[in-house]
Amino acid sequence: MRIHQIDALRGFALFGILVVNIFVFHAPYAHYGPFYYQFEGLNLSVIEHTIFLFVGKFMFIYAFLFGYSFWMQYEKVEEKSVFRQF
């Protein structure tokens, strides 16, 4: 049984990860700072706010949902006692 709310949150987290990675796809990580901080005004403000709002948060959400989904699967199988200890 799929839980659509978890799927929606996972899709939202993947979108956030994509937004963060767009910067990395454009410029190599070694040139990340020098390239993006040469901008001024509104462009620099948009870049800084995007980095502040997105970096780390969406990766955490995605990792949390992955672990939670794995735990739900484990609990469901444990009810059927399919897992055995050796």
C-alpha atoms as a PDB file:
ATOM      1  CA  MET A   1       0.000   0.000   0.000  1.00  0.00           C
ATOM      2  CA  ARG A   2       1.464   3.322  -1.042  1.00  0.00           C
ATOM      3  CA  ILE A   3       1.140   6.404   1.101  1.00  0.00           C
ATOM      4  CA  HIS A   4       0.656   9.286  -1.294  1.00  0.00           C
ATOM      5  CA  GLN A   5       1.611  11.970   1.225  1.00  0.00           C
ATOM      6  CA  ILE A   6       5.077  10.428   1.627  1.00  0.00           C
ATOM      7  CA  ASP A   7       5.425  10.190  -2.151  1.00  0.00           C
ATOM      8  CA  ALA A   8       4.451  13.860  -2.483  1.00  0.00           C
ATOM      9  CA  LEU A   9       6.982  14.907   0.176  1.00  0.00           C
ATOM     10  CA  ARG A  10       9.655  12.797  -1.495  1.00  0.00           C
ATOM     11  CA  GLY A  11       8.926  14.506  -4.829  1.00  0.00           C
ATOM     12  CA  PHE A  12       9.122  17.905  -3.125  1.00  0.00           C
ATOM     13  CA  ALA A  13      12.484  16.940  -1.602  1.00  0.00           C
ATOM     14  CA  LEU A  14      13.787  15.779  -4.987  1.00  0.00           C
ATOM     15  CA  PHE A  15      12.774  19.117  -6.495  1.00  0.00           C
ATOM     16  CA  GLY A  16      14.729  20.931  -3.783  1.00  0.00           C
ATOM     17  CA  ILE A  17      17.772  18.744  -4.393  1.00  0.00           C
ATOM     18  CA  LEU A  18      17.519  19.519  -8.110  1.00  0.00           C
ATOM     19  CA  VAL A  19      17.387  23.270  -7.413  1.00  0.00           C
ATOM     20  CA  VAL A  20      20.557  23.050  -5.333  1.00  0.00           C
ATOM     21  CA  ASN A  21      22.331  20.880  -7.888  1.00  0.00           C
ATOM     22  CA  ILE A  22      21.558  23.260 -10.744  1.00  0.00           C
ATOM     23  CA  PHE A  23      24.302  25.509  -9.369  1.00  0.00           C
ATOM     24  CA  VAL A  24      26.747  22.599  -9.200  1.00  0.00           C
ATOM     25  CA  PHE A  25      25.840  21.423 -12.715  1.00  0.00           C
ATOM     26  CA  HIS A  26      26.656  24.865 -14.073  1.00  0.00           C
ATOM     27  CA  ALA A  27      30.013  25.441 -12.371  1.00  0.00           C
ATOM     28  CA  PRO A  28      32.405  22.865 -10.920  1.00  0.00           C
ATOM     29  CA  TYR A  29      32.480  22.713  -7.129  1.00  0.00           C
ATOM     30  CA  ALA A  30      36.059  24.033  -7.005  1.00  0.00           C
ATOM     31  CA  HIS A  31      34.926  27.218  -8.810  1.00  0.00           C
ATOM     32  CA  TYR A  32      31.584  27.469  -7.034  1.00  0.00           C
ATOM     33  CA  GLY A  33      32.420  30.393  -4.742  1.00  0.00           C
ATOM     34  CA  PRO A  34      34.451  32.534  -7.125  1.00  0.00           C
ATOM     35  CA  PHE A  35      31.954  32.103  -9.956  1.00  0.00           C
ATOM     36  CA  TYR A  36      28.691  32.773  -8.141  1.00  0.00           C
ATOM     37  CA  TYR A  37      29.937  35.511  -5.842  1.00  0.00           C
ATOM     38  CA  GLN A  38      31.052  37.675  -8.740  1.00  0.00           C
ATOM     39  CA  PHE A  39      27.397  38.630  -9.239  1.00  0.00           C
ATOM     40  CA  GLU A  40      25.962  41.751  -7.650  1.00  0.00           C
ATOM     41  CA  GLY A  41      22.606  43.066  -6.544  1.00  0.00           C
ATOM     42  CA  LEU A  42      19.493  41.034  -7.147  1.00  0.00           C
ATOM     43  CA  ASN A  43      21.343  38.127  -8.773  1.00  0.00           C
ATOM     44  CA  LEU A  44      23.606  37.653  -5.751  1.00  0.00           C
ATOM     45  CA  SER A  45      20.629  38.003  -3.411  1.00  0.00           C
ATOM     46  CA  VAL A  46      18.696  35.277  -5.257  1.00  0.00           C
ATOM     47  CA  ILE A  47      21.707  32.937  -5.179  1.00  0.00           C
ATOM     48  CA  GLU A  48      22.347  33.507  -1.462  1.00  0.00           C
ATOM     49  CA  HIS A  49      18.692  33.040  -0.508  1.00  0.00           C
ATOM     50  CA  THR A  50      18.411  29.888  -2.613  1.00  0.00           C
ATOM     51  CA  ILE A  51      21.502  28.420  -1.001  1.00  0.00           C
ATOM     52  CA  PHE A  52      20.302  29.382   2.485  1.00  0.00           C
ATOM     53  CA  LEU A  53      16.802  27.978   2.016  1.00  0.00           C
ATOM     54  CA  PHE A  54      17.603  24.812   0.074  1.00  0.00           C
ATOM     55  CA  VAL A  55      21.054  23.444   0.916  1.00  0.00           C
ATOM     56  CA  GLY A  56      20.948  20.713   3.523  1.00  0.00           C
ATOM     57  CA  LYS A  57      17.242  20.938   4.210  1.00  0.00           C
ATOM     58  CA  PHE A  58      15.968  18.969   1.247  1.00  0.00           C
ATOM     59  CA  MET A  59      18.698  16.355   1.477  1.00  0.00           C
ATOM     60  CA  PHE A  60      17.663  15.823   5.109  1.00  0.00           C
ATOM     61  CA  ILE A  61      13.986  15.515   4.177  1.00  0.00           C
ATOM     62  CA  TYR A  62      14.769  12.998   1.430  1.00  0.00           C
ATOM     63  CA  ALA A  63      17.055  10.920   3.670  1.00  0.00           C
ATOM     64  CA  PHE A  64      14.505  10.981   6.490  1.00  0.00           C
ATOM     65  CA  LEU A  65      11.715   9.814   4.187  1.00  0.00           C
ATOM     66  CA  PHE A  66      13.928   7.053   2.808  1.00  0.00           C
ATOM     67  CA  GLY A  67      14.648   5.791   6.326  1.00  0.00           C
ATOM     68  CA  TYR A  68      11.019   6.121   7.390  1.00  0.00           C
ATOM     69  CA  SER A  69       9.827   4.150   4.356  1.00  0.00           C
ATOM     70  CA  PHE A  70      12.396   1.450   5.048  1.00  0.00           C
ATOM     71  CA  TRP A  71      11.240   1.276   8.679  1.00  0.00           C
ATOM     72  CA  MET A  72       7.601   0.962   7.585  1.00  0.00           C
ATOM     73  CA  GLN A  73       8.510  -1.928   5.286  1.00  0.00           C
ATOM     74  CA  TYR A  74      10.459  -3.599   8.076  1.00  0.00           C
ATOM     75  CA  GLU A  75       7.553  -3.261  10.510  1.00  0.00           C
ATOM     76  CA  LYS A  76       5.123  -4.722   7.982  1.00  0.00           C
ATOM     77  CA  VAL A  77       7.348  -7.733   7.319  1.00  0.00           C
ATOM     78  CA  GLU A  78       8.046  -8.149  11.034  1.00  0.00           C
ATOM     79  CA  GLU A  79       4.305  -8.535  11.656  1.00  0.00           C
ATOM     80  CA  LYS A  80       4.359 -11.517   9.337  1.00  0.00           C
ATOM     81  CA  SER A  81       7.534 -12.763  11.105  1.00  0.00           C
ATOM     82  CA  VAL A  82       9.362 -13.408   7.846  1.00  0.00           C
ATOM     83  CA  PHE A  83      12.685 -12.075   9.188  1.00  0.00           C
ATOM     84  CA  ARG A  84      14.502 -14.681  11.259  1.00  0.00           C
ATOM     85  CA  GLN A  85      17.496 -14.292  13.515  1.00  0.00           C
ATOM     86  CA  PHE A  86      20.382 -16.695  12.979  1.00  0.00           C
END
